[in-house]
Amino acid sequence: MAETFDSPRDLLDAQRELHRVRADLAALYKRLPWSVEPLPGWKRTRDQGYYYETERADSPGWTEDEKAEVERLRARQLELATTVLTHPFWATCDDAPTARSALKHAHEHEVPHEAA
């Protein structure tokens, strides 16, 4: 069984939100066009001398709203990561690396709340 630590509630909350923000950002990146700015697509084949065949459709680029959402999520991710990494709790741990690892996985051991 993994070692447990008495992490403060605010640290657990920050880590939990950091997981959510990272997941939201990853999902957003998957939905967005491959290029931030509008760019033409391409097709590269072995006949053209390329080792791998690759193809990309034209990219319309990201809208201003999409750029703003990425910026908002990245800023929040940085803020939360800073909160977690600089939390005073780490100075009180005898084994901070193990405690940090346990914190990263704490959400996996939580019991989900029942929907009311």
C-alpha atoms as a PDB file:
ATOM      1  CA  MET A   1       0.000   0.000   0.000  1.00  0.00           C
ATOM      2  CA  ALA A   2       1.250   3.477  -0.834  1.00  0.00           C
ATOM      3  CA  GLU A   3       2.410   5.709   1.965  1.00  0.00           C
ATOM      4  CA  THR A   4      -0.072   8.431   2.932  1.00  0.00           C
ATOM      5  CA  PHE A   5       0.639  11.967   4.033  1.00  0.00           C
ATOM      6  CA  ASP A   6      -1.498  14.513   5.837  1.00  0.00           C
ATOM      7  CA  SER A   7      -1.429  17.078   3.067  1.00  0.00           C
ATOM      8  CA  PRO A   8      -3.279  20.308   3.889  1.00  0.00           C
ATOM      9  CA  ARG A   9      -6.701  20.739   2.283  1.00  0.00           C
ATOM     10  CA  ASP A  10      -5.625  23.809   0.270  1.00  0.00           C
ATOM     11  CA  LEU A  11      -2.730  21.835  -1.228  1.00  0.00           C
ATOM     12  CA  LEU A  12      -5.001  18.913  -2.117  1.00  0.00           C
ATOM     13  CA  ASP A  13      -7.516  21.308  -3.664  1.00  0.00           C
ATOM     14  CA  ALA A  14      -4.815  23.041  -5.710  1.00  0.00           C
ATOM     15  CA  GLN A  15      -3.480  19.696  -6.981  1.00  0.00           C
ATOM     16  CA  ARG A  16      -6.991  18.501  -7.842  1.00  0.00           C
ATOM     17  CA  GLU A  17      -7.723  21.696  -9.763  1.00  0.00           C
ATOM     18  CA  LEU A  18      -4.337  21.433 -11.501  1.00  0.00           C
ATOM     19  CA  HIS A  19      -5.349  17.983 -12.781  1.00  0.00           C
ATOM     20  CA  ARG A  20      -8.643  19.412 -14.071  1.00  0.00           C
ATOM     21  CA  VAL A  21      -7.002  22.388 -15.771  1.00  0.00           C
ATOM     22  CA  ARG A  22      -4.410  20.168 -17.462  1.00  0.00           C
ATOM     23  CA  ALA A  23      -7.171  17.862 -18.709  1.00  0.00           C
ATOM     24  CA  ASP A  24      -9.218  20.818 -19.966  1.00  0.00           C
ATOM     25  CA  LEU A  25      -6.183  22.233 -21.764  1.00  0.00           C
ATOM     26  CA  ALA A  26      -5.357  18.878 -23.371  1.00  0.00           C
ATOM     27  CA  ALA A  27      -8.964  18.464 -24.546  1.00  0.00           C
ATOM     28  CA  LEU A  28      -8.956  22.003 -25.966  1.00  0.00           C
ATOM     29  CA  TYR A  29      -5.708  21.381 -27.867  1.00  0.00           C
ATOM     30  CA  LYS A  30      -7.265  18.269 -29.432  1.00  0.00           C
ATOM     31  CA  ARG A  31     -10.225  20.309 -30.718  1.00  0.00           C
ATOM     32  CA  LEU A  32      -8.176  23.182 -32.106  1.00  0.00           C
ATOM     33  CA  PRO A  33      -6.737  23.408 -35.617  1.00  0.00           C
ATOM     34  CA  TRP A  34      -3.124  22.248 -35.879  1.00  0.00           C
ATOM     35  CA  SER A  35      -1.791  25.773 -36.406  1.00  0.00           C
ATOM     36  CA  VAL A  36      -2.454  28.915 -34.382  1.00  0.00           C
ATOM     37  CA  GLU A  37      -2.221  31.042 -37.532  1.00  0.00           C
ATOM     38  CA  PRO A  38      -3.879  30.166 -40.860  1.00  0.00           C
ATOM     39  CA  LEU A  39      -1.484  27.988 -42.869  1.00  0.00           C
ATOM     40  CA  PRO A  40      -1.794  25.832 -45.969  1.00  0.00           C
ATOM     41  CA  GLY A  41      -1.775  22.089 -45.552  1.00  0.00           C
ATOM     42  CA  TRP A  42       0.606  19.669 -47.239  1.00  0.00           C
ATOM     43  CA  LYS A  43       1.031  16.152 -48.464  1.00  0.00           C
ATOM     44  CA  ARG A  44       4.446  14.485 -48.467  1.00  0.00           C
ATOM     45  CA  THR A  45       4.900  11.097 -50.032  1.00  0.00           C
ATOM     46  CA  ARG A  46       7.665   8.559 -50.398  1.00  0.00           C
ATOM     47  CA  ASP A  47       7.653   9.332 -54.146  1.00  0.00           C
ATOM     48  CA  GLN A  48       8.747  12.866 -53.235  1.00  0.00           C
ATOM     49  CA  GLY A  49      11.710  11.490 -51.305  1.00  0.00           C
ATOM     50  CA  TYR A  50      10.219  11.587 -47.811  1.00  0.00           C
ATOM     51  CA  TYR A  51      10.753   8.598 -45.541  1.00  0.00           C
ATOM     52  CA  TYR A  52       7.323   8.952 -43.910  1.00  0.00           C
ATOM     53  CA  GLU A  53       4.150   9.911 -45.693  1.00  0.00           C
ATOM     54  CA  THR A  54       2.401  12.781 -43.946  1.00  0.00           C
ATOM     55  CA  GLU A  55      -0.582  14.915 -44.732  1.00  0.00           C
ATOM     56  CA  ARG A  56      -2.223  17.941 -43.134  1.00  0.00           C
ATOM     57  CA  ALA A  57      -5.337  19.766 -44.239  1.00  0.00           C
ATOM     58  CA  ASP A  58      -5.324  23.557 -44.413  1.00  0.00           C
ATOM     59  CA  SER A  59      -5.481  25.183 -40.991  1.00  0.00           C
ATOM     60  CA  PRO A  60      -7.902  28.065 -40.548  1.00  0.00           C
ATOM     61  CA  GLY A  61      -5.958  29.123 -37.443  1.00  0.00           C
ATOM     62  CA  TRP A  62      -7.379  29.770 -34.009  1.00  0.00           C
ATOM     63  CA  THR A  63     -10.083  32.320 -33.319  1.00  0.00           C
ATOM     64  CA  GLU A  64      -9.442  35.117 -30.846  1.00  0.00           C
ATOM     65  CA  ASP A  65     -11.746  33.338 -28.372  1.00  0.00           C
ATOM     66  CA  GLU A  66      -9.748  30.107 -28.726  1.00  0.00           C
ATOM     67  CA  LYS A  67      -6.468  31.975 -28.205  1.00  0.00           C
ATOM     68  CA  ALA A  68      -7.916  33.661 -25.126  1.00  0.00           C
ATOM     69  CA  GLU A  69      -9.128  30.325 -23.701  1.00  0.00           C
ATOM     70  CA  VAL A  70      -5.707  28.718 -24.191  1.00  0.00           C
ATOM     71  CA  GLU A  71      -4.043  31.731 -22.563  1.00  0.00           C
ATOM     72  CA  ARG A  72      -6.481  31.625 -19.622  1.00  0.00           C
ATOM     73  CA  LEU A  73      -5.965  27.895 -19.023  1.00  0.00           C
ATOM     74  CA  ARG A  74      -2.179  28.119 -19.353  1.00  0.00           C
ATOM     75  CA  ALA A  75      -2.053  31.039 -16.906  1.00  0.00           C
ATOM     76  CA  ARG A  76      -4.209  29.136 -14.422  1.00  0.00           C
ATOM     77  CA  GLN A  77      -2.041  26.025 -14.863  1.00  0.00           C
ATOM     78  CA  LEU A  78       1.091  28.055 -14.091  1.00  0.00           C
ATOM     79  CA  GLU A  79      -0.557  29.664 -11.064  1.00  0.00           C
ATOM     80  CA  LEU A  80      -1.657  26.301  -9.654  1.00  0.00           C
ATOM     81  CA  ALA A  81       1.691  24.628 -10.352  1.00  0.00           C
ATOM     82  CA  THR A  82       3.436  27.473  -8.546  1.00  0.00           C
ATOM     83  CA  THR A  83       1.029  27.142  -5.609  1.00  0.00           C
ATOM     84  CA  VAL A  84       1.671  23.413  -5.348  1.00  0.00           C
ATOM     85  CA  LEU A  85       5.442  23.614  -5.775  1.00  0.00           C
ATOM     86  CA  THR A  86       5.994  26.453  -3.322  1.00  0.00           C
ATOM     87  CA  HIS A  87       3.516  25.363  -0.643  1.00  0.00           C
ATOM     88  CA  PRO A  88       4.959  25.616   2.908  1.00  0.00           C
ATOM     89  CA  PHE A  89       3.905  22.004   3.560  1.00  0.00           C
ATOM     90  CA  TRP A  90       6.960  20.704   1.672  1.00  0.00           C
ATOM     91  CA  ALA A  91       9.311  22.224   4.250  1.00  0.00           C
ATOM     92  CA  THR A  92       7.644  20.127   6.968  1.00  0.00           C
ATOM     93  CA  CYS A  93       8.081  16.778   5.180  1.00  0.00           C
ATOM     94  CA  ASP A  94      10.851  14.359   6.028  1.00  0.00           C
ATOM     95  CA  ASP A  95      10.462  12.831   2.567  1.00  0.00           C
ATOM     96  CA  ALA A  96       9.133  15.572   0.282  1.00  0.00           C
ATOM     97  CA  PRO A  97       9.655  13.663  -3.009  1.00  0.00           C
ATOM     98  CA  THR A  98       7.561  10.729  -1.775  1.00  0.00           C
ATOM     99  CA  ALA A  99       4.938  13.111  -0.374  1.00  0.00           C
ATOM    100  CA  ARG A 100       4.835  14.950  -3.727  1.00  0.00           C
ATOM    101  CA  SER A 101       4.347  11.695  -5.585  1.00  0.00           C
ATOM    102  CA  ALA A 102       1.551  10.724  -3.199  1.00  0.00           C
ATOM    103  CA  LEU A 103      -0.123  14.096  -3.737  1.00  0.00           C
ATOM    104  CA  LYS A 104      -0.033  13.661  -7.522  1.00  0.00           C
ATOM    105  CA  HIS A 105      -1.978  10.421  -7.126  1.00  0.00           C
ATOM    106  CA  ALA A 106      -4.257  11.404  -4.235  1.00  0.00           C
ATOM    107  CA  HIS A 107      -7.205  11.984  -6.575  1.00  0.00           C
ATOM    108  CA  GLU A 108      -7.050   8.333  -7.649  1.00  0.00           C
ATOM    109  CA  HIS A 109      -7.962   7.233  -4.123  1.00  0.00           C
ATOM    110  CA  GLU A 110     -10.841   9.643  -3.563  1.00  0.00           C
ATOM    111  CA  VAL A 111     -14.390   8.346  -3.421  1.00  0.00           C
ATOM    112  CA  PRO A 112     -16.553  10.190  -5.977  1.00  0.00           C
ATOM    113  CA  HIS A 113     -19.443  12.183  -4.558  1.00  0.00           C
ATOM    114  CA  GLU A 114     -22.910  10.876  -5.345  1.00  0.00           C
ATOM    115  CA  ALA A 115     -25.013  13.166  -7.521  1.00  0.00           C
ATOM    116  CA  ALA A 116     -27.918  14.614  -5.575  1.00  0.00           C
END
